[in-house]
Amino acid sequence: MPPLQVGDAAPDFELPDHQGNRVRLSDFRGKRNVVLAFYVLANTPT
């Protein structure tokens, strides 16, 4: 997969939410705005 460029749509991915349910980015497409914030090891269990 080529690197993303500014303005590209984020690729679809799936992660667990805070209750352990699997959520896909595409679940929100056309319904809500989504902000992705990535913090390396900040406030995450190690």
PDB file of N, CA and C in Angstrom:
ATOM      1  N   MET A   1       0.845  -1.179   0.000  1.00  0.00           N
ATOM      2  CA  MET A   1       0.000   0.000   0.000  1.00  0.00           C
ATOM      3  C   MET A   1       0.891   1.244   0.000  1.00  0.00           C
ATOM      4  N   PRO A   2       0.654   2.167  -0.915  1.00  0.00           N
ATOM      5  CA  PRO A   2       1.468   3.385  -0.953  1.00  0.00           C
ATOM      6  C   PRO A   2       1.165   4.269   0.255  1.00  0.00           C
ATOM      7  N   PRO A   3       2.131   5.098   0.651  1.00  0.00           N
ATOM      8  CA  PRO A   3       1.905   6.002   1.787  1.00  0.00           C
ATOM      9  C   PRO A   3       0.745   6.956   1.511  1.00  0.00           C
ATOM     10  N   LEU A   4       0.068   7.347   2.571  1.00  0.00           N
ATOM     11  CA  LEU A   4      -1.027   8.308   2.431  1.00  0.00           C
ATOM     12  C   LEU A   4      -0.472   9.703   2.198  1.00  0.00           C
ATOM     13  N   GLN A   5      -1.196  10.472   1.455  1.00  0.00           N
ATOM     14  CA  GLN A   5      -0.857  11.864   1.210  1.00  0.00           C
ATOM     15  C   GLN A   5      -1.870  12.742   1.933  1.00  0.00           C
ATOM     16  N   VAL A   6      -1.514  13.977   2.174  1.00  0.00           N
ATOM     17  CA  VAL A   6      -2.443  14.926   2.786  1.00  0.00           C
ATOM     18  C   VAL A   6      -3.709  14.979   1.945  1.00  0.00           C
ATOM     19  N   GLY A   7      -4.848  14.828   2.600  1.00  0.00           N
ATOM     20  CA  GLY A   7      -6.132  14.879   1.898  1.00  0.00           C
ATOM     21  C   GLY A   7      -6.678  13.515   1.518  1.00  0.00           C
ATOM     22  N   ASP A   8      -5.853  12.451   1.602  1.00  0.00           N
ATOM     23  CA  ASP A   8      -6.327  11.103   1.301  1.00  0.00           C
ATOM     24  C   ASP A   8      -7.302  10.632   2.376  1.00  0.00           C
ATOM     25  N   ALA A   9      -8.240   9.807   1.977  1.00  0.00           N
ATOM     26  CA  ALA A   9      -9.139   9.180   2.944  1.00  0.00           C
ATOM     27  C   ALA A   9      -8.358   8.124   3.724  1.00  0.00           C
ATOM     28  N   ALA A  10      -8.646   8.016   5.004  1.00  0.00           N
ATOM     29  CA  ALA A  10      -7.979   7.002   5.829  1.00  0.00           C
ATOM     30  C   ALA A  10      -8.445   5.620   5.383  1.00  0.00           C
ATOM     31  N   PRO A  11      -7.550   4.643   5.367  1.00  0.00           N
ATOM     32  CA  PRO A  11      -7.965   3.281   5.030  1.00  0.00           C
ATOM     33  C   PRO A  11      -8.839   2.719   6.145  1.00  0.00           C
ATOM     34  N   ASP A  12      -9.713   1.806   5.796  1.00  0.00           N
ATOM     35  CA  ASP A  12     -10.588   1.198   6.786  1.00  0.00           C
ATOM     36  C   ASP A  12      -9.771   0.325   7.729  1.00  0.00           C
ATOM     37  N   PHE A  13     -10.127   0.337   9.000  1.00  0.00           N
ATOM     38  CA  PHE A  13      -9.481  -0.528   9.981  1.00  0.00           C
ATOM     39  C   PHE A  13     -10.477  -0.841  11.088  1.00  0.00           C
ATOM     40  N   GLU A  14     -10.139  -1.819  11.901  1.00  0.00           N
ATOM     41  CA  GLU A  14     -11.012  -2.267  12.982  1.00  0.00           C
ATOM     42  C   GLU A  14     -10.223  -2.326  14.283  1.00  0.00           C
ATOM     43  N   LEU A  15     -10.839  -1.824  15.365  1.00  0.00           N
ATOM     44  CA  LEU A  15     -10.228  -1.825  16.691  1.00  0.00           C
ATOM     45  C   LEU A  15     -11.306  -2.049  17.738  1.00  0.00           C
ATOM     46  N   PRO A  16     -10.927  -2.493  18.930  1.00  0.00           N
ATOM     47  CA  PRO A  16     -11.922  -2.611  19.994  1.00  0.00           C
ATOM     48  C   PRO A  16     -12.207  -1.241  20.615  1.00  0.00           C
ATOM     49  N   ASP A  17     -13.476  -1.025  20.990  1.00  0.00           N
ATOM     50  CA  ASP A  17     -13.816   0.198  21.710  1.00  0.00           C
ATOM     51  C   ASP A  17     -13.582  -0.008  23.203  1.00  0.00           C
ATOM     52  N   HIS A  18     -13.949   0.954  24.007  1.00  0.00           N
ATOM     53  CA  HIS A  18     -13.683   0.879  25.445  1.00  0.00           C
ATOM     54  C   HIS A  18     -14.474  -0.215  26.159  1.00  0.00           C
ATOM     55  N   GLN A  19     -15.468  -0.808  25.461  1.00  0.00           N
ATOM     56  CA  GLN A  19     -16.248  -1.914  26.032  1.00  0.00           C
ATOM     57  C   GLN A  19     -15.866  -3.255  25.425  1.00  0.00           C
ATOM     58  N   GLY A  20     -14.846  -3.245  24.555  1.00  0.00           N
ATOM     59  CA  GLY A  20     -14.388  -4.482  23.943  1.00  0.00           C
ATOM     60  C   GLY A  20     -15.103  -4.865  22.656  1.00  0.00           C
ATOM     61  N   ASN A  21     -16.059  -4.045  22.199  1.00  0.00           N
ATOM     62  CA  ASN A  21     -16.760  -4.309  20.939  1.00  0.00           C
ATOM     63  C   ASN A  21     -15.883  -3.903  19.763  1.00  0.00           C
ATOM     64  N   ARG A  22     -15.895  -4.701  18.698  1.00  0.00           N
ATOM     65  CA  ARG A  22     -15.109  -4.368  17.508  1.00  0.00           C
ATOM     66  C   ARG A  22     -15.823  -3.272  16.724  1.00  0.00           C
ATOM     67  N   VAL A  23     -15.088  -2.229  16.357  1.00  0.00           N
ATOM     68  CA  VAL A  23     -15.633  -1.088  15.626  1.00  0.00           C
ATOM     69  C   VAL A  23     -14.755  -0.838  14.416  1.00  0.00           C
ATOM     70  N   ARG A  24     -15.386  -0.631  13.273  1.00  0.00           N
ATOM     71  CA  ARG A  24     -14.653  -0.332  12.038  1.00  0.00           C
ATOM     72  C   ARG A  24     -14.799   1.152  11.707  1.00  0.00           C
ATOM     73  N   LEU A  25     -13.767   1.733  11.170  1.00  0.00           N
ATOM     74  CA  LEU A  25     -13.840   3.127  10.749  1.00  0.00           C
ATOM     75  C   LEU A  25     -14.990   3.319   9.765  1.00  0.00           C
ATOM     76  N   SER A  26     -15.198   2.367   8.885  1.00  0.00           N
ATOM     77  CA  SER A  26     -16.264   2.477   7.882  1.00  0.00           C
ATOM     78  C   SER A  26     -17.657   2.497   8.502  1.00  0.00           C
ATOM     79  N   ASP A  27     -17.803   2.067   9.769  1.00  0.00           N
ATOM     80  CA  ASP A  27     -19.100   2.131  10.454  1.00  0.00           C
ATOM     81  C   ASP A  27     -19.588   3.570  10.572  1.00  0.00           C
ATOM     82  N   PHE A  28     -18.676   4.534  10.545  1.00  0.00           N
ATOM     83  CA  PHE A  28     -19.029   5.937  10.729  1.00  0.00           C
ATOM     84  C   PHE A  28     -19.096   6.723   9.425  1.00  0.00           C
ATOM     85  N   ARG A  29     -18.676   6.110   8.319  1.00  0.00           N
ATOM     86  CA  ARG A  29     -18.618   6.823   7.044  1.00  0.00           C
ATOM     87  C   ARG A  29     -20.006   7.350   6.654  1.00  0.00           C
ATOM     88  N   GLY A  30     -20.092   8.648   6.402  1.00  0.00           N
ATOM     89  CA  GLY A  30     -21.337   9.286   6.001  1.00  0.00           C
ATOM     90  C   GLY A  30     -22.290   9.551   7.157  1.00  0.00           C
ATOM     91  N   LYS A  31     -21.910   9.169   8.381  1.00  0.00           N
ATOM     92  CA  LYS A  31     -22.792   9.351   9.538  1.00  0.00           C
ATOM     93  C   LYS A  31     -22.262  10.389  10.511  1.00  0.00           C
ATOM     94  N   ARG A  32     -20.951  10.341  10.756  1.00  0.00           N
ATOM     95  CA  ARG A  32     -20.336  11.224  11.740  1.00  0.00           C
ATOM     96  C   ARG A  32     -18.931  11.587  11.292  1.00  0.00           C
ATOM     97  N   ASN A  33     -18.440  12.695  11.825  1.00  0.00           N
ATOM     98  CA  ASN A  33     -17.042  13.044  11.617  1.00  0.00           C
ATOM     99  C   ASN A  33     -16.200  12.222  12.583  1.00  0.00           C
ATOM    100  N   VAL A  34     -15.021  11.837  12.147  1.00  0.00           N
ATOM    101  CA  VAL A  34     -14.117  11.054  12.976  1.00  0.00           C
ATOM    102  C   VAL A  34     -12.767  11.767  13.023  1.00  0.00           C
ATOM    103  N   VAL A  35     -12.230  11.917  14.223  1.00  0.00           N
ATOM    104  CA  VAL A  35     -10.898  12.488  14.403  1.00  0.00           C
ATOM    105  C   VAL A  35      -9.998  11.373  14.917  1.00  0.00           C
ATOM    106  N   LEU A  36      -8.908  11.119  14.234  1.00  0.00           N
ATOM    107  CA  LEU A  36      -7.947  10.105  14.656  1.00  0.00           C
ATOM    108  C   LEU A  36      -6.782  10.793  15.340  1.00  0.00           C
ATOM    109  N   ALA A  37      -6.485  10.373  16.549  1.00  0.00           N
ATOM    110  CA  ALA A  37      -5.349  10.918  17.292  1.00  0.00           C
ATOM    111  C   ALA A  37      -4.495   9.749  17.752  1.00  0.00           C
ATOM    112  N   PHE A  38      -3.217   9.787  17.435  1.00  0.00           N
ATOM    113  CA  PHE A  38      -2.306   8.703  17.788  1.00  0.00           C
ATOM    114  C   PHE A  38      -1.298   9.232  18.797  1.00  0.00           C
ATOM    115  N   TYR A  39      -1.220   8.558  19.928  1.00  0.00           N
ATOM    116  CA  TYR A  39      -0.289   8.926  20.999  1.00  0.00           C
ATOM    117  C   TYR A  39       0.576   7.710  21.301  1.00  0.00           C
ATOM    118  N   VAL A  40       1.840   7.825  21.097  1.00  0.00           N
ATOM    119  CA  VAL A  40       2.747   6.720  21.346  1.00  0.00           C
ATOM    120  C   VAL A  40       2.906   6.525  22.851  1.00  0.00           C
ATOM    121  N   LEU A  41       2.397   5.408  23.342  1.00  0.00           N
ATOM    122  CA  LEU A  41       2.500   5.006  24.730  1.00  0.00           C
ATOM    123  C   LEU A  41       1.935   5.988  25.747  1.00  0.00           C
ATOM    124  N   ALA A  42       1.235   7.006  25.326  1.00  0.00           N
ATOM    125  CA  ALA A  42       0.640   7.956  26.258  1.00  0.00           C
ATOM    126  C   ALA A  42      -0.697   7.396  26.750  1.00  0.00           C
ATOM    127  N   ASN A  43      -0.821   7.233  28.041  1.00  0.00           N
ATOM    128  CA  ASN A  43      -2.056   6.757  28.655  1.00  0.00           C
ATOM    129  C   ASN A  43      -2.479   5.386  28.155  1.00  0.00           C
ATOM    130  N   THR A  44      -1.538   4.555  27.793  1.00  0.00           N
ATOM    131  CA  THR A  44      -1.865   3.203  27.341  1.00  0.00           C
ATOM    132  C   THR A  44      -1.175   2.192  28.263  1.00  0.00           C
ATOM    133  N   PRO A  45      -1.837   1.068  28.510  1.00  0.00           N
ATOM    134  CA  PRO A  45      -1.174   0.052  29.335  1.00  0.00           C
ATOM    135  C   PRO A  45       0.013  -0.535  28.568  1.00  0.00           C
ATOM    136  N   THR A  46       1.051  -0.890  29.277  1.00  0.00           N
ATOM    137  CA  THR A  46       2.223  -1.473  28.627  1.00  0.00           C
ATOM    138  C   THR A  46       2.420  -2.899  29.082  1.00  0.00           C
TER     139      THR A  46
END
